[in-house]
């Protein structure tokens, strides 16, 4: 396993501390202690607690996306890839509750630059899912649909799966199968 950089070490510790205590109660000293470094070292990498908070959110989001893409891409077919995205999201949420809760639990104003970064992240996730759907259309596994719109619908399913995990429930294989059935077959007769 590759050694993580000092910056990543700080971001990982910050995500944990912000998740445990919330933005307002978190102290840079506690983050430094969790990272195994001095407080001054944190400020060598980040100008403020606010910047550290925002960067820790994107650190966790990027890690989540990378792991999801790698896991889904290891699946041999488009249906397996979509099922894998749900399954991987559930697993990652179970292991890393701070993915959802960093923003959900911390009532801080989201400024325009951060919002733009969150929108960019969402677009990358949508592009990834739309690519899987487009692959399925080309392979004849999915009917001809707008891949982007189908990806948006799938993202709604993922957001609800994330909410289920956030409130402390687990998503079983059976639930994932049911979600995929609804996604693949709709709810019509």
C-alpha atoms as a PDB file:
ATOM      1  CA  UNK A   1       0.000   0.000   0.000  1.00  0.00           C
ATOM      2  CA  UNK A   2       1.352   3.429  -0.920  1.00  0.00           C
ATOM      3  CA  UNK A   3       2.316   5.747   1.877  1.00  0.00           C
ATOM      4  CA  UNK A   4       0.019   8.741   2.151  1.00  0.00           C
ATOM      5  CA  UNK A   5       1.377  12.267   2.081  1.00  0.00           C
ATOM      6  CA  UNK A   6       1.382  14.541   5.108  1.00  0.00           C
ATOM      7  CA  UNK A   7      -1.401  16.573   3.480  1.00  0.00           C
ATOM      8  CA  UNK A   8      -3.541  13.457   3.020  1.00  0.00           C
ATOM      9  CA  UNK A   9      -2.787  12.407   6.578  1.00  0.00           C
ATOM     10  CA  UNK A  10      -4.094  15.760   7.805  1.00  0.00           C
ATOM     11  CA  UNK A  11      -7.178  15.577   5.569  1.00  0.00           C
ATOM     12  CA  UNK A  12      -8.051  12.070   6.723  1.00  0.00           C
ATOM     13  CA  UNK A  13      -7.708  13.126  10.370  1.00  0.00           C
ATOM     14  CA  UNK A  14      -9.730  16.283   9.728  1.00  0.00           C
ATOM     15  CA  UNK A  15     -12.562  14.307   8.124  1.00  0.00           C
ATOM     16  CA  UNK A  16     -12.719  12.056  11.188  1.00  0.00           C
ATOM     17  CA  UNK A  17     -12.644  14.915  13.680  1.00  0.00           C
ATOM     18  CA  UNK A  18     -15.189  17.048  11.809  1.00  0.00           C
ATOM     19  CA  UNK A  19     -17.438  14.015  11.525  1.00  0.00           C
ATOM     20  CA  UNK A  20     -17.183  13.228  15.235  1.00  0.00           C
ATOM     21  CA  UNK A  21     -17.476  16.724  16.639  1.00  0.00           C
ATOM     22  CA  UNK A  22     -18.997  18.893  13.913  1.00  0.00           C
ATOM     23  CA  UNK A  23     -17.360  21.866  12.265  1.00  0.00           C
ATOM     24  CA  UNK A  24     -17.912  24.386  15.049  1.00  0.00           C
ATOM     25  CA  UNK A  25     -16.647  22.147  17.872  1.00  0.00           C
ATOM     26  CA  UNK A  26     -13.655  20.775  15.984  1.00  0.00           C
ATOM     27  CA  UNK A  27     -10.301  22.198  16.998  1.00  0.00           C
ATOM     28  CA  UNK A  28      -7.230  22.312  14.787  1.00  0.00           C
ATOM     29  CA  UNK A  29      -5.255  21.004  17.776  1.00  0.00           C
ATOM     30  CA  UNK A  30      -7.425  17.872  17.831  1.00  0.00           C
ATOM     31  CA  UNK A  31      -6.946  17.359  14.100  1.00  0.00           C
ATOM     32  CA  UNK A  32      -3.184  17.726  14.465  1.00  0.00           C
ATOM     33  CA  UNK A  33      -3.137  15.248  17.344  1.00  0.00           C
ATOM     34  CA  UNK A  34      -5.206  12.749  15.350  1.00  0.00           C
ATOM     35  CA  UNK A  35      -2.816  13.161  12.418  1.00  0.00           C
ATOM     36  CA  UNK A  36       0.184  12.687  14.714  1.00  0.00           C
ATOM     37  CA  UNK A  37       1.679  16.083  13.942  1.00  0.00           C
ATOM     38  CA  UNK A  38       1.981  19.513  15.515  1.00  0.00           C
ATOM     39  CA  UNK A  39      -0.658  22.218  15.080  1.00  0.00           C
ATOM     40  CA  UNK A  40       1.814  24.403  13.190  1.00  0.00           C
ATOM     41  CA  UNK A  41       2.246  21.706  10.566  1.00  0.00           C
ATOM     42  CA  UNK A  42      -1.481  21.879   9.785  1.00  0.00           C
ATOM     43  CA  UNK A  43      -1.072  25.568   8.986  1.00  0.00           C
ATOM     44  CA  UNK A  44       1.824  24.794   6.648  1.00  0.00           C
ATOM     45  CA  UNK A  45      -0.750  23.072   4.426  1.00  0.00           C
ATOM     46  CA  UNK A  46      -3.999  24.943   5.166  1.00  0.00           C
ATOM     47  CA  UNK A  47      -4.688  28.613   5.811  1.00  0.00           C
ATOM     48  CA  UNK A  48      -7.703  28.125   8.079  1.00  0.00           C
ATOM     49  CA  UNK A  49     -10.004  25.634   9.730  1.00  0.00           C
ATOM     50  CA  UNK A  50     -12.599  26.485   7.100  1.00  0.00           C
ATOM     51  CA  UNK A  51     -10.216  25.614   4.252  1.00  0.00           C
ATOM     52  CA  UNK A  52      -9.266  22.399   6.045  1.00  0.00           C
ATOM     53  CA  UNK A  53     -12.955  21.492   6.432  1.00  0.00           C
ATOM     54  CA  UNK A  54     -13.719  22.083   2.768  1.00  0.00           C
ATOM     55  CA  UNK A  55     -10.636  20.223   1.566  1.00  0.00           C
ATOM     56  CA  UNK A  56     -11.415  17.295   3.855  1.00  0.00           C
ATOM     57  CA  UNK A  57     -14.844  16.988   2.248  1.00  0.00           C
ATOM     58  CA  UNK A  58     -13.316  16.829  -1.226  1.00  0.00           C
ATOM     59  CA  UNK A  59     -10.627  14.435  -0.025  1.00  0.00           C
ATOM     60  CA  UNK A  60     -13.313  12.015   1.161  1.00  0.00           C
ATOM     61  CA  UNK A  61     -15.451  12.519  -1.975  1.00  0.00           C
ATOM     62  CA  UNK A  62     -12.510  11.896  -4.305  1.00  0.00           C
ATOM     63  CA  UNK A  63     -11.497   8.788  -2.382  1.00  0.00           C
ATOM     64  CA  UNK A  64     -15.075   7.530  -2.560  1.00  0.00           C
ATOM     65  CA  UNK A  65     -15.320   8.177  -6.304  1.00  0.00           C
ATOM     66  CA  UNK A  66     -11.969   6.551  -7.045  1.00  0.00           C
ATOM     67  CA  UNK A  67     -12.866   3.407  -5.076  1.00  0.00           C
ATOM     68  CA  UNK A  68     -16.328   3.228  -6.633  1.00  0.00           C
ATOM     69  CA  UNK A  69     -15.014   3.616 -10.177  1.00  0.00           C
ATOM     70  CA  UNK A  70     -12.289   1.011  -9.653  1.00  0.00           C
ATOM     71  CA  UNK A  71     -14.737  -1.459  -8.130  1.00  0.00           C
ATOM     72  CA  UNK A  72     -17.462  -0.924 -10.713  1.00  0.00           C
ATOM     73  CA  UNK A  73     -15.013  -1.074 -13.619  1.00  0.00           C
ATOM     74  CA  UNK A  74     -13.869  -4.483 -12.370  1.00  0.00           C
ATOM     75  CA  UNK A  75     -17.372  -5.827 -13.086  1.00  0.00           C
ATOM     76  CA  UNK A  76     -17.705  -7.519 -16.480  1.00  0.00           C
ATOM     77  CA  UNK A  77     -21.061  -6.169 -17.633  1.00  0.00           C
ATOM     78  CA  UNK A  78     -23.095  -2.924 -17.394  1.00  0.00           C
ATOM     79  CA  UNK A  79     -25.755  -4.375 -15.074  1.00  0.00           C
ATOM     80  CA  UNK A  80     -23.021  -5.679 -12.777  1.00  0.00           C
ATOM     81  CA  UNK A  81     -21.313  -2.296 -12.884  1.00  0.00           C
ATOM     82  CA  UNK A  82     -24.499  -0.465 -11.822  1.00  0.00           C
ATOM     83  CA  UNK A  83     -25.209  -3.041  -9.131  1.00  0.00           C
ATOM     84  CA  UNK A  84     -21.575  -2.682  -8.086  1.00  0.00           C
ATOM     85  CA  UNK A  85     -21.939   1.086  -7.762  1.00  0.00           C
ATOM     86  CA  UNK A  86     -24.842   0.617  -5.318  1.00  0.00           C
ATOM     87  CA  UNK A  87     -23.066  -2.150  -3.431  1.00  0.00           C
ATOM     88  CA  UNK A  88     -19.791  -0.227  -3.265  1.00  0.00           C
ATOM     89  CA  UNK A  89     -21.564   2.904  -2.114  1.00  0.00           C
ATOM     90  CA  UNK A  90     -23.281   0.957   0.661  1.00  0.00           C
ATOM     91  CA  UNK A  91     -20.008  -0.656   1.710  1.00  0.00           C
ATOM     92  CA  UNK A  92     -18.063   2.595   1.615  1.00  0.00           C
ATOM     93  CA  UNK A  93     -20.783   4.406   3.542  1.00  0.00           C
ATOM     94  CA  UNK A  94     -20.772   1.652   6.136  1.00  0.00           C
ATOM     95  CA  UNK A  95     -16.995   1.966   6.533  1.00  0.00           C
ATOM     96  CA  UNK A  96     -16.799   5.751   6.119  1.00  0.00           C
ATOM     97  CA  UNK A  97     -19.909   7.374   7.525  1.00  0.00           C
ATOM     98  CA  UNK A  98     -18.203  10.766   7.201  1.00  0.00           C
ATOM     99  CA  UNK A  99     -18.760  10.767   3.433  1.00  0.00           C
ATOM    100  CA  UNK A 100     -22.367  11.806   3.895  1.00  0.00           C
ATOM    101  CA  UNK A 101     -22.243  13.308   7.312  1.00  0.00           C
ATOM    102  CA  UNK A 102     -19.489  15.859   6.729  1.00  0.00           C
ATOM    103  CA  UNK A 103     -21.943  18.047   4.858  1.00  0.00           C
ATOM    104  CA  UNK A 104     -25.157  16.788   6.444  1.00  0.00           C
ATOM    105  CA  UNK A 105     -24.036  17.296  10.042  1.00  0.00           C
ATOM    106  CA  UNK A 106     -22.101  20.498   9.610  1.00  0.00           C
ATOM    107  CA  UNK A 107     -24.244  23.528   9.123  1.00  0.00           C
ATOM    108  CA  UNK A 108     -21.795  25.836   7.410  1.00  0.00           C
ATOM    109  CA  UNK A 109     -22.427  28.220   4.590  1.00  0.00           C
ATOM    110  CA  UNK A 110     -21.448  26.829   1.224  1.00  0.00           C
ATOM    111  CA  UNK A 111     -19.837  29.620  -0.788  1.00  0.00           C
ATOM    112  CA  UNK A 112     -19.921  29.780  -4.578  1.00  0.00           C
ATOM    113  CA  UNK A 113     -16.473  28.231  -5.145  1.00  0.00           C
ATOM    114  CA  UNK A 114     -17.301  25.245  -2.964  1.00  0.00           C
ATOM    115  CA  UNK A 115     -20.700  24.854  -4.594  1.00  0.00           C
ATOM    116  CA  UNK A 116     -19.020  24.892  -8.014  1.00  0.00           C
ATOM    117  CA  UNK A 117     -16.639  22.158  -6.875  1.00  0.00           C
ATOM    118  CA  UNK A 118     -19.555  20.074  -5.556  1.00  0.00           C
ATOM    119  CA  UNK A 119     -21.394  20.530  -8.857  1.00  0.00           C
ATOM    120  CA  UNK A 120     -18.258  19.511 -10.752  1.00  0.00           C
ATOM    121  CA  UNK A 121     -17.958  16.391  -8.590  1.00  0.00           C
ATOM    122  CA  UNK A 122     -21.621  15.531  -9.237  1.00  0.00           C
ATOM    123  CA  UNK A 123     -21.060  15.968 -12.977  1.00  0.00           C
ATOM    124  CA  UNK A 124     -18.131  13.546 -12.889  1.00  0.00           C
ATOM    125  CA  UNK A 125     -20.255  10.952 -11.085  1.00  0.00           C
ATOM    126  CA  UNK A 126     -23.072  11.471 -13.607  1.00  0.00           C
ATOM    127  CA  UNK A 127     -20.635  11.109 -16.507  1.00  0.00           C
ATOM    128  CA  UNK A 128     -19.320   7.866 -15.048  1.00  0.00           C
ATOM    129  CA  UNK A 129     -22.792   6.391 -14.593  1.00  0.00           C
ATOM    130  CA  UNK A 130     -23.979   7.667 -17.985  1.00  0.00           C
ATOM    131  CA  UNK A 131     -20.945   5.940 -19.503  1.00  0.00           C
ATOM    132  CA  UNK A 132     -21.992   2.636 -17.956  1.00  0.00           C
ATOM    133  CA  UNK A 133     -25.536   3.086 -19.260  1.00  0.00           C
ATOM    134  CA  UNK A 134     -24.266   4.048 -22.712  1.00  0.00           C
ATOM    135  CA  UNK A 135     -22.102   0.913 -22.722  1.00  0.00           C
ATOM    136  CA  UNK A 136     -25.197  -1.140 -21.859  1.00  0.00           C
ATOM    137  CA  UNK A 137     -27.157   0.441 -24.692  1.00  0.00           C
ATOM    138  CA  UNK A 138     -24.376  -0.330 -27.178  1.00  0.00           C
ATOM    139  CA  UNK A 139     -24.192  -3.930 -25.938  1.00  0.00           C
ATOM    140  CA  UNK A 140     -27.966  -4.328 -26.242  1.00  0.00           C
ATOM    141  CA  UNK A 141     -28.410  -4.883 -22.512  1.00  0.00           C
ATOM    142  CA  UNK A 142     -30.396  -1.666 -21.983  1.00  0.00           C
ATOM    143  CA  UNK A 143     -33.059  -0.217 -24.206  1.00  0.00           C
ATOM    144  CA  UNK A 144     -32.396   3.008 -26.058  1.00  0.00           C
ATOM    145  CA  UNK A 145     -32.705   5.762 -23.464  1.00  0.00           C
ATOM    146  CA  UNK A 146     -31.027   9.066 -22.796  1.00  0.00           C
ATOM    147  CA  UNK A 147     -27.953   7.891 -20.810  1.00  0.00           C
ATOM    148  CA  UNK A 148     -27.657  11.213 -18.998  1.00  0.00           C
ATOM    149  CA  UNK A 149     -31.281  11.257 -17.833  1.00  0.00           C
ATOM    150  CA  UNK A 150     -31.063   7.597 -16.790  1.00  0.00           C
ATOM    151  CA  UNK A 151     -27.896   8.465 -14.868  1.00  0.00           C
ATOM    152  CA  UNK A 152     -29.735  11.280 -13.069  1.00  0.00           C
ATOM    153  CA  UNK A 153     -32.466   8.819 -12.052  1.00  0.00           C
ATOM    154  CA  UNK A 154     -29.833   6.341 -10.893  1.00  0.00           C
ATOM    155  CA  UNK A 155     -28.172   9.107  -8.860  1.00  0.00           C
ATOM    156  CA  UNK A 156     -31.471   9.609  -7.042  1.00  0.00           C
ATOM    157  CA  UNK A 157     -31.383   5.943  -6.113  1.00  0.00           C
ATOM    158  CA  UNK A 158     -27.793   6.341  -4.893  1.00  0.00           C
ATOM    159  CA  UNK A 159     -28.671   9.388  -2.811  1.00  0.00           C
ATOM    160  CA  UNK A 160     -31.411   7.465  -1.068  1.00  0.00           C
ATOM    161  CA  UNK A 161     -29.045   4.544  -0.489  1.00  0.00           C
ATOM    162  CA  UNK A 162     -26.643   7.055   1.050  1.00  0.00           C
ATOM    163  CA  UNK A 163     -29.409   8.389   3.298  1.00  0.00           C
ATOM    164  CA  UNK A 164     -30.286   4.859   4.432  1.00  0.00           C
ATOM    165  CA  UNK A 165     -26.652   4.309   5.411  1.00  0.00           C
ATOM    166  CA  UNK A 166     -26.384   7.725   7.041  1.00  0.00           C
ATOM    167  CA  UNK A 167     -29.276   7.028   9.402  1.00  0.00           C
ATOM    168  CA  UNK A 168     -27.541   3.857  10.510  1.00  0.00           C
ATOM    169  CA  UNK A 169     -29.229   1.124   8.488  1.00  0.00           C
ATOM    170  CA  UNK A 170     -27.427  -1.350   6.305  1.00  0.00           C
ATOM    171  CA  UNK A 171     -28.332  -2.091   2.718  1.00  0.00           C
ATOM    172  CA  UNK A 172     -28.674  -5.816   2.224  1.00  0.00           C
ATOM    173  CA  UNK A 173     -27.934  -7.700  -0.991  1.00  0.00           C
ATOM    174  CA  UNK A 174     -31.663  -8.281  -1.290  1.00  0.00           C
ATOM    175  CA  UNK A 175     -32.338  -4.545  -1.130  1.00  0.00           C
ATOM    176  CA  UNK A 176     -29.673  -3.927  -3.766  1.00  0.00           C
ATOM    177  CA  UNK A 177     -31.302  -6.594  -5.964  1.00  0.00           C
ATOM    178  CA  UNK A 178     -34.688  -4.904  -5.517  1.00  0.00           C
ATOM    179  CA  UNK A 179     -33.245  -1.481  -6.336  1.00  0.00           C
ATOM    180  CA  UNK A 180     -31.671  -2.910  -9.482  1.00  0.00           C
ATOM    181  CA  UNK A 181     -34.937  -4.613 -10.424  1.00  0.00           C
ATOM    182  CA  UNK A 182     -36.777  -1.297 -10.112  1.00  0.00           C
ATOM    183  CA  UNK A 183     -34.032   0.454 -12.062  1.00  0.00           C
ATOM    184  CA  UNK A 184     -33.938  -2.152 -14.823  1.00  0.00           C
ATOM    185  CA  UNK A 185     -37.650  -2.935 -15.088  1.00  0.00           C
ATOM    186  CA  UNK A 186     -39.387   0.136 -13.760  1.00  0.00           C
ATOM    187  CA  UNK A 187     -42.545  -0.116 -11.726  1.00  0.00           C
ATOM    188  CA  UNK A 188     -45.063  -0.452 -14.531  1.00  0.00           C
ATOM    189  CA  UNK A 189     -46.985  -3.671 -15.238  1.00  0.00           C
END
